[in-house]
Protein backbone atom coordinates (compact mmCIF):
# COMPACT_ATOMS: atom_id res chain seq x y z
CA UNK A 1 49.76 21.57 -33.13
CA UNK A 2 51.83 23.76 -30.80
CA UNK A 3 50.47 26.86 -32.53
CA UNK A 4 46.90 25.63 -32.04
CA UNK A 5 47.50 24.88 -28.37
CA UNK A 6 49.08 28.26 -27.85
CA UNK A 7 46.13 29.94 -29.54
CA UNK A 8 43.62 28.03 -27.38
CA UNK A 9 45.51 28.80 -24.21
CA UNK A 10 45.37 32.48 -25.05
CA UNK A 11 41.58 32.47 -25.20
CA UNK A 12 40.04 33.75 -21.93
CA UNK A 13 37.62 31.48 -20.02
CA UNK A 14 34.64 33.55 -21.03
CA UNK A 15 35.53 32.95 -24.65
CA UNK A 16 34.92 29.23 -24.18
CA UNK A 17 31.61 29.99 -22.50
CA UNK A 18 30.50 32.21 -25.38
CA UNK A 19 31.62 29.59 -27.88
CA UNK A 20 29.64 26.89 -26.12
CA UNK A 21 26.54 29.09 -25.93
CA UNK A 22 26.92 29.89 -29.61
CA UNK A 23 26.93 26.20 -30.49
CA UNK A 24 23.82 25.65 -28.34
CA UNK A 25 22.08 28.63 -29.99
CA UNK A 26 22.95 27.34 -33.48
CA UNK A 27 21.54 23.92 -32.57
CA UNK A 28 18.39 25.45 -31.08
CA UNK A 29 17.62 27.58 -34.13
CA UNK A 30 18.77 25.48 -37.09
CA UNK A 31 18.92 21.83 -36.03
CA UNK A 32 16.38 20.84 -33.36
CA UNK A 33 12.69 20.96 -34.32
CA UNK A 34 11.07 19.47 -31.21
CA UNK A 35 10.85 22.53 -28.93
CA UNK A 36 9.33 25.81 -30.05
CA UNK A 37 10.48 27.67 -26.94
CA UNK A 38 14.13 26.70 -27.54
CA UNK A 39 13.86 27.76 -31.17
CA UNK A 40 12.29 31.12 -30.42
CA UNK A 41 14.42 31.80 -27.34
CA UNK A 42 17.73 29.98 -27.94
CA UNK A 43 19.86 29.13 -24.89
CA UNK A 44 17.60 30.85 -22.31
CA UNK A 45 14.69 28.60 -23.34
CA UNK A 46 16.54 25.70 -21.73
CA UNK A 47 16.21 27.44 -18.38
CA UNK A 48 12.44 27.11 -18.62
CA UNK A 49 12.62 23.32 -19.12
CA UNK A 50 15.12 22.95 -16.26
CA UNK A 51 12.92 24.96 -13.88
CA UNK A 52 9.91 22.88 -14.92
CA UNK A 53 11.82 19.66 -14.17
CA UNK A 54 12.75 20.74 -10.64
CA UNK A 55 9.42 22.46 -9.95
CA UNK A 56 7.96 19.67 -7.76
CA UNK A 57 11.05 19.67 -5.56
CA UNK A 58 11.10 23.47 -5.30
CA UNK A 59 7.43 23.54 -4.29
CA UNK A 60 7.86 20.70 -1.80
CA UNK A 61 10.75 22.32 0.06
CA UNK A 62 10.18 26.05 -0.34
CA UNK A 63 6.62 26.86 -1.44
CA UNK A 64 3.99 24.39 -0.15
CA UNK A 65 2.84 24.77 3.45
CA UNK A 66 2.68 21.92 5.94
CA UNK A 67 -0.84 20.78 5.08
CA UNK A 68 -1.43 21.37 1.37
CA UNK A 69 0.67 18.78 -0.48
CA UNK A 70 -0.73 15.63 -2.06
CA UNK A 71 -0.78 12.70 -1.92
CA UNK A 72 0.87 13.07 1.52
CA UNK A 73 1.53 16.45 3.08
CA UNK A 74 4.61 17.44 5.04
CA UNK A 75 3.03 16.81 8.44
CA UNK A 76 1.97 13.29 7.45
CA UNK A 77 5.38 12.45 6.01
CA UNK A 78 7.08 13.94 9.05
CA UNK A 79 4.99 11.80 11.40
CA UNK A 80 5.94 8.64 9.51
CA UNK A 81 9.65 9.55 9.40
CA UNK A 82 9.76 10.40 13.11
CA UNK A 83 7.78 7.30 14.06
CA UNK A 84 10.05 5.05 11.99
CA UNK A 85 13.15 6.54 13.60
CA UNK A 86 11.63 6.38 17.10
CA UNK A 87 11.98 10.14 17.39
CA UNK A 88 9.60 12.66 18.97
CA UNK A 89 6.53 12.74 16.70
CA UNK A 90 4.50 15.10 18.86
CA UNK A 91 3.13 18.53 17.87
CA UNK A 92 3.57 21.57 20.08
CA UNK A 93 1.28 24.55 20.66
CA UNK A 94 -1.81 22.83 19.29
CA UNK A 95 -2.74 21.60 15.85
CA UNK A 96 -2.13 23.68 12.73
CA UNK A 97 -4.78 21.69 10.86
CA UNK A 98 -8.07 23.38 9.94
CA UNK A 99 -10.34 21.21 12.06
CA UNK A 100 -13.43 22.69 10.40
CA UNK A 101 -12.30 21.46 6.99
CA UNK A 102 -14.52 19.10 4.99
CA UNK A 103 -14.09 15.43 6.06
CA UNK A 104 -11.94 16.20 9.09
CA UNK A 105 -12.14 13.24 11.49
CA UNK A 106 -13.09 13.49 15.16
CA UNK A 107 -12.69 10.46 17.46
CA UNK A 108 -15.08 10.78 20.39
CA UNK A 109 -13.32 9.97 23.65
CA UNK A 110 -14.98 8.35 26.66
CA UNK A 111 -15.23 10.32 29.91
CA UNK A 112 -13.42 7.45 31.67
CA UNK A 113 -10.89 5.76 29.40
CA UNK A 114 -10.38 1.99 29.27
CA UNK A 115 -8.14 0.99 32.19
CA UNK A 116 -5.55 -1.65 31.31
CA UNK A 117 -5.47 -4.43 33.95
CA UNK A 118 -2.10 -5.50 35.30
CA UNK A 119 -2.24 -8.88 33.53
CA UNK A 120 -3.37 -7.38 30.22
CA UNK A 121 -1.08 -8.03 27.18
CA UNK A 122 -0.92 -4.27 26.50
CA UNK A 123 0.49 -3.75 29.98
CA UNK A 124 3.68 -5.43 28.73
CA UNK A 125 3.44 -5.23 24.95
CA UNK A 126 2.08 -1.75 24.37
CA UNK A 127 1.68 -2.29 20.63
CA UNK A 128 0.14 -5.79 20.80
CA UNK A 129 -2.74 -5.51 18.34
CA UNK A 130 -3.66 -8.64 16.35
CA UNK A 131 -6.65 -9.02 14.07
CA UNK A 132 -9.83 -9.89 15.97
CA UNK A 133 -10.98 -12.25 13.19
CA UNK A 134 -9.41 -15.36 11.65
CA UNK A 135 -9.00 -15.76 7.89
CA UNK A 136 -10.53 -19.05 6.80
CA UNK A 137 -12.19 -19.93 10.10
CA UNK A 138 -15.77 -19.85 8.81
CA UNK A 139 -14.95 -21.85 5.66
CA UNK A 140 -12.90 -24.31 7.73
CA UNK A 141 -9.74 -24.00 5.69
CA UNK A 142 -7.01 -26.47 6.65
CA UNK A 143 -4.61 -23.67 7.63
CA UNK A 144 -6.60 -20.70 8.99
CA UNK A 145 -4.61 -17.55 9.67
CA UNK A 146 -5.07 -14.79 12.20
CA UNK A 147 -2.81 -11.84 11.30
CA UNK A 148 -0.72 -10.99 14.36
CA UNK A 149 -0.82 -7.31 13.37
CA UNK A 150 -3.70 -5.12 12.22
CA UNK A 151 -1.26 -3.11 10.05
CA UNK A 152 0.65 -4.88 7.26
CA UNK A 153 2.51 -4.23 4.01
CA UNK A 154 0.24 -3.93 0.99
CA UNK A 155 0.78 -5.44 -2.47
CA UNK A 156 4.00 -4.12 -4.03
CA UNK A 157 5.94 -6.26 -6.50
CA UNK A 158 9.63 -6.99 -6.80
CA UNK A 159 10.37 -5.32 -10.11
CA UNK A 160 8.29 -2.30 -9.23
CA UNK A 161 10.30 -2.06 -6.02
CA UNK A 162 14.00 -2.79 -5.73
CA UNK A 163 15.42 -5.95 -4.22
CA UNK A 164 16.83 -3.96 -1.31
CA UNK A 165 13.47 -2.33 -0.58
CA UNK A 166 11.56 -5.64 -0.67
CA UNK A 167 14.13 -7.35 1.56
CA UNK A 168 14.07 -4.47 4.06
CA UNK A 169 10.27 -4.61 4.19
CA UNK A 170 10.15 -8.36 4.72
CA UNK A 171 12.72 -8.28 7.48
CA UNK A 172 10.80 -5.35 8.95
CA UNK A 173 7.47 -7.18 9.05
CA UNK A 174 9.22 -10.15 10.68
CA UNK A 175 10.40 -7.84 13.46
CA UNK A 176 6.92 -6.30 13.77
CA UNK A 177 5.00 -9.63 13.60
CA UNK A 178 3.13 -8.38 10.52
CA UNK A 179 2.65 -9.86 7.04
CA UNK A 180 4.01 -8.84 3.64
CA UNK A 181 1.87 -8.94 0.49
CA UNK A 182 4.01 -9.89 -2.52
CA UNK A 183 2.18 -7.86 -5.13
CA UNK A 184 1.56 -9.47 -8.51
CA UNK A 185 5.25 -9.81 -9.47
CA UNK A 186 5.67 -13.23 -7.88
CA UNK A 187 7.42 -14.55 -4.79
CA UNK A 188 11.06 -13.43 -4.86
CA UNK A 189 13.94 -14.48 -2.58
CA UNK A 190 13.65 -11.03 -1.03
CA UNK A 191 10.14 -11.85 0.22
CA UNK A 192 11.51 -14.87 2.10
CA UNK A 193 13.47 -13.17 4.86
CA UNK A 194 11.43 -14.31 7.85
CA UNK A 195 8.15 -12.42 7.51
CA UNK A 196 4.70 -13.92 6.91
CA UNK A 197 3.66 -13.61 3.27
CA UNK A 198 0.34 -13.17 1.48
CA UNK A 199 0.88 -14.38 -2.09
CA UNK A 200 -0.92 -12.11 -4.53
CA UNK A 201 -1.48 -12.67 -8.24
CA UNK A 202 -3.18 -10.69 -10.96
CA UNK A 203 -3.99 -11.19 -14.62
CA UNK A 204 -0.35 -11.89 -15.52
CA UNK A 205 -0.18 -14.84 -13.04
CA UNK A 206 3.50 -14.09 -12.46
CA UNK A 207 5.23 -16.83 -10.51
CA UNK A 208 2.37 -19.30 -11.16
CA UNK A 209 2.17 -18.78 -14.89
CA UNK A 210 1.92 -21.50 -17.56
CA UNK A 211 3.68 -21.22 -20.91
CA UNK A 212 0.57 -19.74 -22.56
CA UNK A 213 0.19 -17.04 -19.89
CA UNK A 214 -2.67 -18.67 -17.98
CA UNK A 215 -2.84 -19.66 -14.30
CA UNK A 216 -1.14 -22.92 -13.37
CA UNK A 217 -2.73 -24.45 -10.28
CA UNK A 218 0.06 -27.04 -10.20
CA UNK A 219 2.70 -24.32 -9.88
CA UNK A 220 0.62 -22.55 -7.23
CA UNK A 221 0.26 -25.75 -5.20
CA UNK A 222 4.01 -26.39 -5.41
CA UNK A 223 4.84 -22.78 -4.52
CA UNK A 224 2.78 -22.95 -1.34
CA UNK A 225 4.17 -26.37 -0.42
CA UNK A 226 7.77 -25.23 -0.89
CA UNK A 227 7.29 -21.92 0.96
CA UNK A 228 5.61 -22.26 4.37
CA UNK A 229 5.99 -18.50 4.84
CA UNK A 230 2.92 -18.10 2.58
CA UNK A 231 -0.09 -17.81 4.88
CA UNK A 232 -2.85 -16.74 2.46
CA UNK A 233 -3.60 -16.25 -1.25
CA UNK A 234 -5.02 -13.05 -2.73
CA UNK A 235 -6.54 -12.73 -6.21
CA UNK A 236 -6.31 -9.22 -7.62
CA UNK A 237 -9.45 -8.20 -9.50
CA UNK A 238 -8.41 -4.55 -9.73
CA UNK A 239 -6.27 -1.96 -7.99
CA UNK A 240 -6.93 1.61 -6.97
CA UNK A 241 -4.39 3.18 -9.31
CA UNK A 242 -5.86 1.74 -12.51
CA UNK A 243 -8.88 -0.54 -12.05
CA UNK A 244 -9.86 -2.45 -15.17
CA UNK A 245 -6.67 -1.52 -17.02
CA UNK A 246 -3.94 -3.93 -18.03
CA UNK A 247 -0.29 -3.09 -18.44
CA UNK A 248 2.93 -3.84 -20.26
CA UNK A 249 6.20 -4.74 -18.57
CA UNK A 250 8.83 -3.57 -21.11
CA UNK A 251 11.39 -6.16 -22.13
CA UNK A 252 14.19 -3.75 -21.25
CA UNK A 253 13.21 -4.02 -17.57
CA UNK A 254 13.11 -7.82 -17.52
CA UNK A 255 16.39 -9.06 -16.11
CA UNK A 256 17.27 -12.74 -15.80
CA UNK A 257 16.31 -12.63 -12.12
CA UNK A 258 12.92 -10.99 -12.73
CA UNK A 259 12.24 -13.37 -15.65
CA UNK A 260 12.94 -16.40 -13.46
CA UNK A 261 10.68 -15.16 -10.65
CA UNK A 262 7.82 -14.11 -12.90
CA UNK A 263 8.05 -17.04 -15.30
CA UNK A 264 8.56 -14.92 -18.43
CA UNK A 265 11.25 -14.52 -21.11
CA UNK A 266 14.25 -12.24 -20.72
CA UNK A 267 14.08 -9.05 -22.76
CA UNK A 268 10.59 -9.67 -24.14
CA UNK A 269 7.61 -7.39 -23.43
CA UNK A 270 5.02 -9.02 -21.18
CA UNK A 271 1.35 -8.08 -21.28
CA UNK A 272 -0.83 -8.08 -18.17
CA UNK A 273 -4.35 -8.15 -19.64
CA UNK A 274 -7.18 -6.06 -18.29
CA UNK A 275 -9.15 -9.20 -17.44
CA UNK A 276 -8.45 -12.71 -16.11
CA UNK A 277 -8.07 -15.87 -18.18
CA UNK A 278 -8.77 -18.14 -15.19
CA UNK A 279 -12.42 -17.07 -14.90
CA UNK A 280 -14.98 -15.14 -16.94
CA UNK A 281 -17.74 -14.45 -14.44
CA UNK A 282 -18.56 -14.42 -10.74
CA UNK A 283 -19.57 -18.13 -10.44
CA UNK A 284 -16.29 -19.14 -12.09
CA UNK A 285 -14.38 -16.85 -9.69
CA UNK A 286 -16.10 -18.62 -6.78
CA UNK A 287 -15.09 -22.00 -8.21
CA UNK A 288 -11.47 -20.86 -8.52
CA UNK A 289 -11.42 -19.62 -4.91
CA UNK A 290 -12.59 -23.01 -3.67
CA UNK A 291 -10.12 -24.90 -5.89
CA UNK A 292 -7.19 -22.84 -4.61
CA UNK A 293 -8.31 -23.25 -0.99
CA UNK A 294 -8.64 -27.02 -1.50
CA UNK A 295 -5.21 -27.59 -3.06
CA UNK A 296 -3.31 -25.22 -0.77
CA UNK A 297 -5.31 -25.42 2.45
CA UNK A 298 -4.87 -21.67 2.83
CA UNK A 299 -7.39 -18.84 3.19
CA UNK A 300 -8.15 -17.23 -0.18
CA UNK A 301 -9.25 -13.65 -0.67
CA UNK A 302 -9.86 -11.09 -3.37
CA UNK A 303 -8.76 -7.50 -3.85
CA UNK A 304 -10.60 -4.81 -5.75
CA UNK A 305 -11.24 -1.13 -6.18
CA UNK A 306 -14.94 -0.37 -5.93
CA UNK A 307 -17.16 1.16 -8.61
CA UNK A 308 -20.33 -0.58 -9.79
CA UNK A 309 -21.66 -3.07 -7.27
CA UNK A 310 -23.89 -5.38 -9.32
CA UNK A 311 -21.24 -8.12 -9.59
CA UNK A 312 -20.33 -7.70 -5.92
CA UNK A 313 -24.01 -8.25 -5.15
CA UNK A 314 -23.97 -11.38 -7.30
CA UNK A 315 -20.93 -12.60 -5.35
CA UNK A 316 -22.67 -11.93 -2.03
CA UNK A 317 -25.83 -13.74 -3.18
CA UNK A 318 -23.81 -16.83 -4.13
CA UNK A 319 -22.03 -16.72 -0.78
CA UNK A 320 -25.34 -16.54 1.05
CA UNK A 321 -26.77 -19.45 -0.97
CA UNK A 322 -23.74 -21.76 -0.85
CA UNK A 323 -22.08 -20.94 2.46
CA UNK A 324 -18.77 -20.59 0.60
CA UNK A 325 -16.74 -17.70 -0.70
CA UNK A 326 -13.62 -15.60 -0.14
CA UNK A 327 -12.13 -15.62 3.33
CA UNK A 328 -11.04 -11.99 3.10
CA UNK A 329 -11.68 -9.00 0.88
CA UNK A 330 -9.16 -6.20 0.40
CA UNK A 331 -10.80 -2.92 -0.60
CA UNK A 332 -8.47 -0.56 -2.46
CA UNK A 333 -9.17 3.14 -2.69
CA UNK A 334 -9.37 5.02 -5.95
CA UNK A 335 -6.82 7.50 -4.57
CA UNK A 336 -4.21 5.46 -6.41
CA UNK A 337 -1.04 4.04 -4.98
CA UNK A 338 2.38 2.77 -5.97
CA UNK A 339 1.19 1.60 -9.39
CA UNK A 340 1.73 4.19 -12.13
CA UNK A 341 -1.36 5.06 -14.17
CA UNK A 342 -2.66 7.61 -16.67
CA UNK A 343 -4.18 10.66 -14.91
CA UNK A 344 -7.55 9.78 -16.45
CA UNK A 345 -7.52 6.58 -14.39
CA UNK A 346 -5.74 7.79 -11.26
CA UNK A 347 -7.97 10.87 -10.98
CA UNK A 348 -11.36 9.55 -12.01
CA UNK A 349 -11.82 5.74 -12.19
CA UNK A 350 -13.18 3.94 -9.08
CA UNK A 351 -14.38 5.40 -5.79
CA UNK A 352 -12.19 6.83 -3.02
CA UNK A 353 -11.74 4.42 -0.13
CA UNK A 354 -14.39 5.80 2.24
CA UNK A 355 -17.08 5.77 -0.44
CA UNK A 356 -16.04 2.45 -1.93
CA UNK A 357 -15.75 0.60 1.36
CA UNK A 358 -18.98 1.94 2.83
CA UNK A 359 -20.82 0.91 -0.35
CA UNK A 360 -19.32 -2.57 -0.46
CA UNK A 361 -19.67 -3.32 3.25
CA UNK A 362 -23.42 -2.78 3.08
CA UNK A 363 -23.69 -5.31 0.24
CA UNK A 364 -22.40 -8.04 2.55
CA UNK A 365 -24.03 -6.70 5.70
CA UNK A 366 -27.56 -6.85 4.29
CA UNK A 367 -26.96 -10.57 3.64
CA UNK A 368 -25.50 -11.23 7.14
CA UNK A 369 -22.09 -12.13 5.70
CA UNK A 370 -19.78 -9.62 7.36
CA UNK A 371 -18.57 -11.87 10.19
CA UNK A 372 -17.54 -14.53 7.65
CA UNK A 373 -15.12 -12.13 5.98
CA UNK A 374 -11.95 -10.41 7.14
CA UNK A 375 -12.16 -6.91 5.62
CA UNK A 376 -8.85 -5.25 4.77
CA UNK A 377 -8.66 -1.53 4.02
CA UNK A 378 -6.01 -0.08 1.71
CA UNK A 379 -6.01 3.61 0.84
CA UNK A 380 -3.93 6.13 2.84
CA UNK A 381 -5.02 4.60 6.15
CA UNK A 382 -1.57 4.40 7.72
CA UNK A 383 -2.27 6.99 10.41
CA UNK A 384 -3.85 6.11 13.79
CA UNK A 385 -6.87 8.43 13.56
CA UNK A 386 -7.66 7.23 10.03
CA UNK A 387 -7.20 3.69 11.29
CA UNK A 388 -9.77 4.31 14.02
CA UNK A 389 -12.21 5.61 11.41
CA UNK A 390 -11.61 2.57 9.19
CA UNK A 391 -12.25 0.17 12.07
CA UNK A 392 -15.41 2.05 12.95
CA UNK A 393 -16.60 1.51 9.37
CA UNK A 394 -15.93 -2.23 9.48
CA UNK A 395 -12.32 -3.07 8.56
CA UNK A 396 -10.42 -5.75 10.44
CA UNK A 397 -6.92 -5.04 9.10
CA UNK A 398 -5.10 -2.23 7.30
CA UNK A 399 -2.61 -2.60 4.46
CA UNK A 400 -0.16 0.24 3.76
CA UNK A 401 2.01 0.74 0.68
CA UNK A 402 3.26 4.31 0.29
CA UNK A 403 3.42 4.77 4.07
CA UNK A 404 5.63 1.65 4.27
CA UNK A 405 7.83 3.08 1.51
CA UNK A 406 8.20 6.35 3.40
CA UNK A 407 9.17 4.49 6.56
CA UNK A 408 12.21 3.10 4.71
CA UNK A 409 13.19 6.40 3.11
CA UNK A 410 10.79 7.37 0.28
CA UNK A 411 10.78 11.18 -0.16
CA UNK A 412 7.64 11.39 -2.35
CA UNK A 413 9.63 12.35 -5.45
CA UNK A 414 6.75 10.88 -7.53
CA UNK A 415 9.06 9.34 -10.13
CA UNK A 416 8.24 5.71 -9.30
CA UNK A 417 7.41 4.97 -12.94
CA UNK A 418 10.71 6.31 -14.35
CA UNK A 419 13.18 3.88 -12.73
CA UNK A 420 14.99 6.93 -11.29
CA UNK A 421 13.77 6.80 -7.68
CA UNK A 422 16.34 8.87 -5.75
CA UNK A 423 15.79 6.83 -2.56
CA UNK A 424 16.58 3.49 -4.27
CA UNK A 425 13.12 2.08 -3.47
CA UNK A 426 11.17 2.09 -6.74
CA UNK A 427 14.06 1.42 -9.10
CA UNK A 428 16.21 -1.42 -10.41
CA UNK A 429 19.31 0.79 -10.49
CA UNK A 430 22.02 -1.00 -8.50
CA UNK A 431 23.69 2.32 -7.70
CA UNK A 432 20.55 3.84 -6.19
CA UNK A 433 19.70 0.63 -4.31
CA UNK A 434 23.13 0.62 -2.73
CA UNK A 435 22.06 3.58 -0.60
CA UNK A 436 19.54 1.41 1.29
CA UNK A 437 20.91 -0.07 4.51
CA UNK A 438 18.69 -3.14 4.84
CA UNK A 439 19.23 -3.71 8.59
CA UNK A 440 18.54 -0.03 9.35
CA UNK A 441 15.53 0.29 7.06
CA UNK A 442 13.97 -2.95 8.30
CA UNK A 443 14.21 -1.58 11.84
CA UNK A 444 12.51 1.61 10.71
CA UNK A 445 9.57 -0.14 9.04
CA UNK A 446 9.13 -2.29 12.14
CA UNK A 447 9.26 0.77 14.39
CA UNK A 448 6.69 2.61 12.25
CA UNK A 449 4.32 -0.36 12.59
CA UNK A 450 4.91 -0.54 16.35
CA UNK A 451 4.34 3.20 16.77
CA UNK A 452 1.17 3.04 14.67
CA UNK A 453 -0.23 0.17 16.73
CA UNK A 454 0.77 1.78 20.03
CA UNK A 455 -0.96 5.06 19.17
CA UNK A 456 -4.04 3.27 17.80
CA UNK A 457 -4.24 1.27 21.04
CA UNK A 458 -4.03 4.55 22.99
CA UNK A 459 -6.79 6.14 20.89
CA UNK A 460 -8.89 3.01 21.34
CA UNK A 461 -8.46 3.11 25.12
CA UNK A 462 -9.26 6.83 25.14
CA UNK A 463 -12.56 5.97 23.43
CA UNK A 464 -13.30 3.45 26.19
CA UNK A 465 -12.55 0.27 24.23
CA UNK A 466 -10.02 -2.52 24.54
CA UNK A 467 -9.54 -3.28 20.81
CA UNK A 468 -10.28 -1.11 17.74
CA UNK A 469 -12.65 -3.78 16.42
CA UNK A 470 -15.06 -2.46 19.07
CA UNK A 471 -15.34 1.00 17.50
CA UNK A 472 -18.82 1.80 16.24
CA UNK A 473 -19.89 4.33 13.67
CA UNK A 474 -21.21 6.57 16.42
CA UNK A 475 -17.68 6.94 17.83
CA UNK A 476 -16.36 8.90 14.84
CA UNK A 477 -17.64 12.18 13.45
CA UNK A 478 -16.65 13.88 10.22
CA UNK A 479 -17.21 17.39 8.94
CA UNK A 480 -19.76 17.14 6.16
CA UNK A 481 -20.65 20.69 5.09
CA UNK A 482 -21.68 24.06 6.45
CA UNK A 483 -25.32 23.04 6.96
CA UNK A 484 -24.80 19.78 8.83
CA UNK A 485 -21.45 20.84 10.35
CA UNK A 486 -20.59 17.31 11.56
CA UNK A 487 -22.26 13.93 11.36
CA UNK A 488 -21.30 10.60 12.83
CA UNK A 489 -20.33 7.86 10.39
CA UNK A 490 -23.71 6.14 10.80
CA UNK A 491 -25.57 9.18 9.56
CA UNK A 492 -22.99 10.03 6.91
CA UNK A 493 -22.76 6.61 5.23
CA UNK A 494 -26.15 5.15 6.13
CA UNK A 495 -25.35 1.93 7.99
CA UNK A 496 -24.14 0.57 11.33
CA UNK A 497 -21.09 -1.67 11.38
CA UNK A 498 -21.81 -5.26 12.40
CA UNK A 499 -20.48 -6.02 15.87
CA UNK A 500 -17.28 -8.05 15.71
CA UNK A 501 -17.17 -11.06 18.07
CA UNK A 502 -14.48 -10.15 20.61
CA UNK A 503 -13.74 -11.87 23.91
CA UNK A 504 -10.76 -9.80 24.98
CA UNK A 505 -7.17 -9.11 23.96
CA UNK A 506 -5.94 -11.79 26.37
CA UNK A 507 -7.86 -14.38 24.34
CA UNK A 508 -6.12 -13.13 21.19
CA UNK A 509 -2.76 -13.28 22.92
CA UNK A 510 -3.33 -16.92 23.84
CA UNK A 511 -4.81 -17.81 20.44
CA UNK A 512 -3.37 -20.80 18.61
CA UNK A 513 -3.76 -19.09 15.24
CA UNK A 514 -1.02 -16.58 16.06
CA UNK A 515 1.42 -19.39 15.40
CA UNK A 516 3.52 -19.06 18.53
CA UNK A 517 4.67 -15.53 17.70
CA UNK A 518 7.26 -14.16 20.12
CA UNK A 519 6.30 -10.59 20.98
CA UNK A 520 9.31 -9.96 23.21
CA UNK A 521 11.04 -7.85 20.55
CA UNK A 522 7.89 -5.81 20.00
CA UNK A 523 8.00 -4.61 23.59
CA UNK A 524 11.47 -3.12 23.22
């Protein structure tokens, strides 16, 4: 043994390196069969795979310019980060955006901006911006709900997101007087940290699931009764990332905690079908909406990505004939979102938000139904100018998912589906989650929401209005092409938004539906 140790100690360091490389080369040539490059170019072939693995990061930090990255470019991410941290989010020396680029948005300002009276709520609370409509008012639900914020957290499940991320978001929406959509993973303890909640379920019925995988109305009724934080129910028909596609939650990801929340078995794969068991057609969907509203007393809405509109037209016809129907409709954009999907779906299935929403809105407008519905937009709308455009097209609220994730530290690593999120947000790794300071991150989400609302209020006032619900399609222009140069939204999408009944922000501030919200913290 001593002789062997003496021999090894006499070998120079580079001898060990050569020995190691020799072993790797032997493995590459004679043992592994999976990689042709490694076989043909032993040792150095590994460099190619390593460079490929870090390519997105290298491009993000050293190659891509400020405006060319997708899904969110560096300027957009920087604005969210600065807004969330209450730092300077201004640009100097003019914009570096190509303002002649296709679909660039122009908000037309008024010669004399809206002047805020001394007794106006925005004179004290500069980001006070509740929804102008009330969910469930037309259908006379027992517990109508007016969202106290026009920007809210979109559907993201516990399981897809970490416990720390969900808790930070819920505490953040409580501080910002917003609501938090649970996503289809069920209501977790982390959703119950003081914020208003919209309970969302999909084809898996997680959290309100019977033993055979169908929807249990008894469990739903009990869930709402036991959790007064739930203010509305949303039925997911489809989502922008993968409309019409089901999914599998691998058993390896199902911990005891997730199993208890979702109502499934530990360690066993769970299928989310592509279609619902609770209804088979539009009339049955309408019946389910009314049943849920009756047993819970809450507003009930639906969420979908838009493609063909024949069934949406059938829904609108039934609403017109019966006087009943969903209290709100969330329109998801085909741009995709936090849900992982095959590129064939993410890139090609369902319409982008502007095309999908403009198509759907006209279905309900032609039947004089728009003022019965609270329209919620979800699809990269978490920026004030895009928010102004969305309101001009007919939305009443905005839901944000990826923007909310970035406000609490997401770096757009685009590995959400691998369980290796470096920011601890889209992972169940306890080690990675430990890097999230919940008090700090909740403050940052709240500050992002407050900054968004404050800047949208300022844009609204610049356009001569008091509330963004007053935007019309003539107030926004977009670059169309080289022949038309720019068109207003009315000419571009072929309709005029229905005027939203609005009696003033002071009326909203005094409204009973806001549930006695204290906006003192929002003013700080």
